[in-house]
Amino acid sequence: MTRNMDLVRTILLDVEKRKPACGTWESEPFLEGKDKAMVVEHLNLLINEGFLTGTAGYIPESGFSEVSDINLTWNGYEFLSLSRDDGIWKMAKDKILKEGISFSISLLMEYLKTLAKSKLGL
C-alpha cells in the first residue's frame, strides 16, 4: 500500500465534521466509494501516529469494516489547521508530494507551516 496524503487529509476533514464518536461506524464519508482496506490502513496509520484516537479493522473475506470511537487529537487538529486551505494544500502537494520523492509527515507539516507563514506575511 502506498500512503495517500489526500486520503489522510480527507479522513481528518471528515472526522472533524462529525460529533465525537461513541460507537461503530460503517458508512462514514471517508469509507464511501473507496477501497475499505486502504481507508482502514490509513486510519490505523493516523491512530498510530497520534492524529486520531479509536480503532479500525477490516475483514477482507466479508468486506466488513469496523471503525469505532474515532476522534481527532491535538496533532490531528494541527495538521488540519495547516492543510485546510486548498491553495496551500495544492502548493504543498506540488512541491513535496510529487511521486517518487520520499518525505516524512513532519517535513510536510513544516512546509505547510512555511506556506501559512508566507500567506500571513510573517
Protein backbone atom coordinates (compact mmCIF):
# COMPACT_ATOMS: atom_id res chain seq x y z
CA MET A 1 0.00 0.00 0.00
CA THR A 2 1.17 3.49 -0.82
CA ARG A 3 0.47 6.26 1.66
CA ASN A 4 -2.05 8.68 0.14
CA MET A 5 -1.86 12.12 1.74
CA ASP A 6 -5.04 13.32 0.01
CA LEU A 7 -6.85 10.42 1.69
CA VAL A 8 -5.24 11.33 5.03
CA ARG A 9 -6.50 14.89 4.67
CA THR A 10 -9.97 13.73 3.62
CA ILE A 11 -10.25 11.38 6.59
CA LEU A 12 -9.23 14.09 9.04
CA LEU A 13 -11.63 16.63 7.50
CA ASP A 14 -14.49 14.10 7.62
CA VAL A 15 -13.78 13.17 11.24
CA GLU A 16 -13.70 16.84 12.20
CA LYS A 17 -17.20 17.41 10.73
CA ARG A 18 -18.96 14.86 12.89
CA LYS A 19 -19.79 14.81 16.57
CA PRO A 20 -17.42 12.97 18.91
CA ALA A 21 -17.52 9.26 18.20
CA CYS A 22 -19.35 6.94 20.55
CA GLY A 23 -19.93 3.79 18.55
CA THR A 24 -19.23 1.80 15.42
CA TRP A 25 -19.27 3.49 12.02
CA GLU A 26 -19.91 1.50 8.86
CA SER A 27 -20.95 4.20 6.40
CA GLU A 28 -18.77 7.21 7.05
CA PRO A 29 -17.98 9.61 4.17
CA PHE A 30 -14.31 8.58 4.24
CA LEU A 31 -15.37 4.94 3.60
CA GLU A 32 -17.91 5.58 0.84
CA GLY A 33 -16.77 4.70 -2.66
CA LYS A 34 -13.24 3.93 -1.55
CA ASP A 35 -11.27 0.74 -1.04
CA LYS A 36 -12.11 -0.12 2.57
CA ALA A 37 -8.84 -1.93 3.20
CA MET A 38 -6.88 1.14 2.11
CA VAL A 39 -9.01 3.51 4.21
CA VAL A 40 -8.72 1.31 7.29
CA GLU A 41 -4.95 1.08 6.80
CA HIS A 42 -4.76 4.88 6.61
CA LEU A 43 -6.96 5.20 9.71
CA ASN A 44 -4.58 2.91 11.56
CA LEU A 45 -1.59 4.94 10.38
CA LEU A 46 -3.29 8.09 11.70
CA ILE A 47 -4.10 6.39 15.00
CA ASN A 48 -0.56 5.04 15.38
CA GLU A 49 0.97 8.44 14.63
CA GLY A 50 -1.28 10.23 17.13
CA PHE A 51 -3.52 12.16 14.72
CA LEU A 52 -6.62 10.16 15.71
CA THR A 53 -7.82 8.03 18.58
CA GLY A 54 -10.01 4.95 18.18
CA THR A 55 -9.88 1.62 16.40
CA ALA A 56 -10.28 0.49 12.83
CA GLY A 57 -10.43 -3.00 11.40
CA TYR A 58 -11.24 -4.70 8.12
CA ILE A 59 -12.14 -8.31 7.28
CA PRO A 60 -11.27 -8.94 3.60
CA GLU A 61 -13.31 -12.15 3.34
CA SER A 62 -16.58 -10.40 4.20
CA GLY A 63 -15.73 -6.85 3.16
CA PHE A 64 -16.82 -5.69 6.61
CA SER A 65 -15.06 -2.73 8.16
CA GLU A 66 -15.42 -1.52 11.70
CA VAL A 67 -14.39 1.96 12.73
CA SER A 68 -15.02 2.80 16.38
CA ASP A 69 -14.57 5.79 18.63
CA ILE A 70 -12.58 7.83 16.13
CA ASN A 71 -11.70 11.34 17.30
CA LEU A 72 -9.11 13.93 16.37
CA THR A 73 -6.16 14.55 18.66
CA TRP A 74 -4.26 17.81 19.05
CA ASN A 75 -1.87 16.67 16.28
CA GLY A 76 -4.83 15.92 14.01
CA TYR A 77 -6.22 19.40 14.54
CA GLU A 78 -2.78 20.90 13.93
CA PHE A 79 -2.46 19.08 10.61
CA LEU A 80 -5.93 20.28 9.61
CA SER A 81 -5.12 23.87 10.57
CA LEU A 82 -2.09 23.74 8.31
CA SER A 83 -3.69 21.89 5.38
CA ARG A 84 -7.26 23.24 5.39
CA ASP A 85 -6.61 25.98 2.82
CA ASP A 86 -6.96 24.34 -0.61
CA GLY A 87 -4.38 26.69 -2.15
CA ILE A 88 -1.76 25.93 0.48
CA TRP A 89 -2.52 22.21 0.22
CA LYS A 90 -2.08 22.33 -3.57
CA MET A 91 1.25 24.16 -3.25
CA ALA A 92 2.48 21.60 -0.71
CA LYS A 93 1.38 18.72 -2.93
CA ASP A 94 3.06 20.26 -5.98
CA LYS A 95 6.33 20.77 -4.11
CA ILE A 96 6.59 17.88 -1.61
CA LEU A 97 4.11 15.20 -2.56
CA LYS A 98 5.48 14.58 -6.04
CA GLU A 99 5.60 10.94 -6.93
CA GLY A 100 8.91 9.32 -6.15
CA ILE A 101 10.02 11.89 -3.58
CA SER A 102 10.48 10.47 -0.11
CA PHE A 103 9.25 12.67 2.74
CA SER A 104 8.07 12.46 6.30
CA ILE A 105 4.86 13.83 7.78
CA SER A 106 6.96 16.20 9.90
CA LEU A 107 8.64 17.59 6.76
CA LEU A 108 5.23 18.06 5.15
CA MET A 109 3.91 19.86 8.24
CA GLU A 110 7.00 22.11 8.36
CA TYR A 111 6.47 23.05 4.72
CA LEU A 112 2.77 23.71 5.36
CA LYS A 113 3.81 25.99 8.26
CA THR A 114 6.19 27.85 5.95
CA LEU A 115 3.44 28.35 3.38
CA ALA A 116 0.98 29.51 6.04
CA LYS A 117 3.51 32.00 7.43
CA SER A 118 4.17 33.31 3.94
CA LYS A 119 0.45 33.75 3.29
CA LEU A 120 0.16 35.70 6.56
CA GLY A 121 3.20 37.83 5.69
CA LEU A 122 5.26 36.51 8.60
